Amino acid sequence: MDECVGIRRDQQGLSQAARQIGEWLATRELDHPALRNRLEACRLIVNAALVRRQSCGAHARDDDPEFRATGAQVATI
């Protein structure tokens, strides 16, 4: 999640994360409810980020043309 769905994100990374989470949910024996719940939460976060194509709040879409046009920079701590 930190790598592909962090503060700075783009379509490619979000799609990669969605595929990986989908594979984990489909192929693993998820008899541990906490793990399944965490993966489902990750899936929801990634899907929401994929739908929202513009930058919002602290999260920046590197592929958002409006964000790039402003010349704004994202500082991560």
C-alpha atoms as a PDB file:
ATOM      1  CA  MET A   1       0.000   0.000   0.000  1.00  0.00           C
ATOM      2  CA  ASP A   2       2.828   2.426   0.784  1.00  0.00           C
ATOM      3  CA  GLU A   3       4.435   1.868  -2.593  1.00  0.00           C
ATOM      4  CA  CYS A   4       1.422   2.087  -4.921  1.00  0.00           C
ATOM      5  CA  VAL A   5      -1.312   3.740  -2.846  1.00  0.00           C
ATOM      6  CA  GLY A   6       0.616   6.287  -0.812  1.00  0.00           C
ATOM      7  CA  ILE A   7       0.419  10.052  -0.687  1.00  0.00           C
ATOM      8  CA  ARG A   8       1.648  10.227  -4.304  1.00  0.00           C
ATOM      9  CA  ARG A   9      -0.158   7.848  -6.604  1.00  0.00           C
ATOM     10  CA  ASP A  10      -0.992   7.271 -10.243  1.00  0.00           C
ATOM     11  CA  GLN A  11      -3.190   5.040 -12.409  1.00  0.00           C
ATOM     12  CA  GLN A  12      -0.451   2.481 -13.018  1.00  0.00           C
ATOM     13  CA  GLY A  13       0.407   1.995  -9.345  1.00  0.00           C
ATOM     14  CA  LEU A  14      -3.231   1.889  -8.259  1.00  0.00           C
ATOM     15  CA  SER A  15      -4.050  -0.684 -10.940  1.00  0.00           C
ATOM     16  CA  GLN A  16      -1.090  -2.781  -9.865  1.00  0.00           C
ATOM     17  CA  ALA A  17      -2.253  -2.655  -6.241  1.00  0.00           C
ATOM     18  CA  ALA A  18      -5.818  -3.590  -7.240  1.00  0.00           C
ATOM     19  CA  ARG A  19      -4.574  -6.622  -9.190  1.00  0.00           C
ATOM     20  CA  GLN A  20      -2.357  -7.794  -6.321  1.00  0.00           C
ATOM     21  CA  ILE A  21      -5.085  -7.408  -3.705  1.00  0.00           C
ATOM     22  CA  GLY A  22      -7.540  -9.226  -5.977  1.00  0.00           C
ATOM     23  CA  GLU A  23      -5.090 -12.091  -6.405  1.00  0.00           C
ATOM     24  CA  TRP A  24      -4.552 -12.347  -2.665  1.00  0.00           C
ATOM     25  CA  LEU A  25      -8.277 -12.373  -1.994  1.00  0.00           C
ATOM     26  CA  ALA A  26      -8.888 -14.986  -4.704  1.00  0.00           C
ATOM     27  CA  THR A  27      -6.025 -17.392  -4.115  1.00  0.00           C
ATOM     28  CA  ARG A  28      -5.166 -17.428  -0.461  1.00  0.00           C
ATOM     29  CA  GLU A  29      -6.829 -19.478   2.191  1.00  0.00           C
ATOM     30  CA  LEU A  30      -8.163 -16.591   4.208  1.00  0.00           C
ATOM     31  CA  ASP A  31      -9.530 -18.329   7.246  1.00  0.00           C
ATOM     32  CA  HIS A  32      -8.146 -15.534   9.405  1.00  0.00           C
ATOM     33  CA  PRO A  33     -10.922 -12.891   9.576  1.00  0.00           C
ATOM     34  CA  ALA A  34      -8.589 -10.007  10.472  1.00  0.00           C
ATOM     35  CA  LEU A  35      -6.446 -10.584   7.373  1.00  0.00           C
ATOM     36  CA  ARG A  36      -9.485 -10.814   5.093  1.00  0.00           C
ATOM     37  CA  ASN A  37     -10.890  -7.609   6.643  1.00  0.00           C
ATOM     38  CA  ARG A  38      -7.607  -5.763   6.095  1.00  0.00           C
ATOM     39  CA  LEU A  39      -7.443  -6.883   2.472  1.00  0.00           C
ATOM     40  CA  GLU A  40     -11.061  -5.850   1.916  1.00  0.00           C
ATOM     41  CA  ALA A  41     -10.320  -2.415   3.430  1.00  0.00           C
ATOM     42  CA  CYS A  42      -7.318  -2.093   1.110  1.00  0.00           C
ATOM     43  CA  ARG A  43      -9.473  -3.088  -1.856  1.00  0.00           C
ATOM     44  CA  LEU A  44     -12.031  -0.399  -1.015  1.00  0.00           C
ATOM     45  CA  ILE A  45      -9.352   2.279  -0.613  1.00  0.00           C
ATOM     46  CA  VAL A  46      -7.706   1.376  -3.924  1.00  0.00           C
ATOM     47  CA  ASN A  47     -11.013   1.261  -5.800  1.00  0.00           C
ATOM     48  CA  ALA A  48     -12.007   4.676  -4.437  1.00  0.00           C
ATOM     49  CA  ALA A  49      -8.620   6.104  -5.437  1.00  0.00           C
ATOM     50  CA  LEU A  50      -8.989   4.658  -8.944  1.00  0.00           C
ATOM     51  CA  VAL A  51     -12.367   6.333  -9.382  1.00  0.00           C
ATOM     52  CA  ARG A  52     -11.129   9.730  -8.172  1.00  0.00           C
ATOM     53  CA  ARG A  53      -8.712  10.918 -10.851  1.00  0.00           C
ATOM     54  CA  GLN A  54      -7.895  14.333  -9.393  1.00  0.00           C
ATOM     55  CA  SER A  55      -5.678  15.214  -6.464  1.00  0.00           C
ATOM     56  CA  CYS A  56      -7.514  15.709  -3.190  1.00  0.00           C
ATOM     57  CA  GLY A  57      -6.386  16.910   0.205  1.00  0.00           C
ATOM     58  CA  ALA A  58      -3.003  15.483   1.095  1.00  0.00           C
ATOM     59  CA  HIS A  59      -3.134  12.864  -1.668  1.00  0.00           C
ATOM     60  CA  ALA A  60      -1.713  13.773  -5.059  1.00  0.00           C
ATOM     61  CA  ARG A  61      -2.315  12.010  -8.347  1.00  0.00           C
ATOM     62  CA  ASP A  62       0.885  12.317 -10.348  1.00  0.00           C
ATOM     63  CA  ASP A  63      -1.174  11.729 -13.485  1.00  0.00           C
ATOM     64  CA  ASP A  64      -3.630  14.579 -12.710  1.00  0.00           C
ATOM     65  CA  PRO A  65      -3.079  17.252 -15.392  1.00  0.00           C
ATOM     66  CA  GLU A  66      -4.511  20.018 -13.175  1.00  0.00           C
ATOM     67  CA  PHE A  67      -2.137  19.108 -10.350  1.00  0.00           C
ATOM     68  CA  ARG A  68       0.859  19.091 -12.684  1.00  0.00           C
ATOM     69  CA  ALA A  69      -0.207  22.397 -14.274  1.00  0.00           C
ATOM     70  CA  THR A  70      -0.157  24.193 -10.920  1.00  0.00           C
ATOM     71  CA  GLY A  71       3.463  23.244 -10.326  1.00  0.00           C
ATOM     72  CA  ALA A  72       2.507  22.205  -6.801  1.00  0.00           C
ATOM     73  CA  GLN A  73       4.840  19.944  -4.930  1.00  0.00           C
ATOM     74  CA  VAL A  74       4.074  17.254  -2.422  1.00  0.00           C
ATOM     75  CA  ALA A  75       6.227  17.034   0.686  1.00  0.00           C
ATOM     76  CA  THR A  76       6.178  13.776   2.575  1.00  0.00           C
ATOM     77  CA  ILE A  77       7.516  13.414   6.077  1.00  0.00           C
END
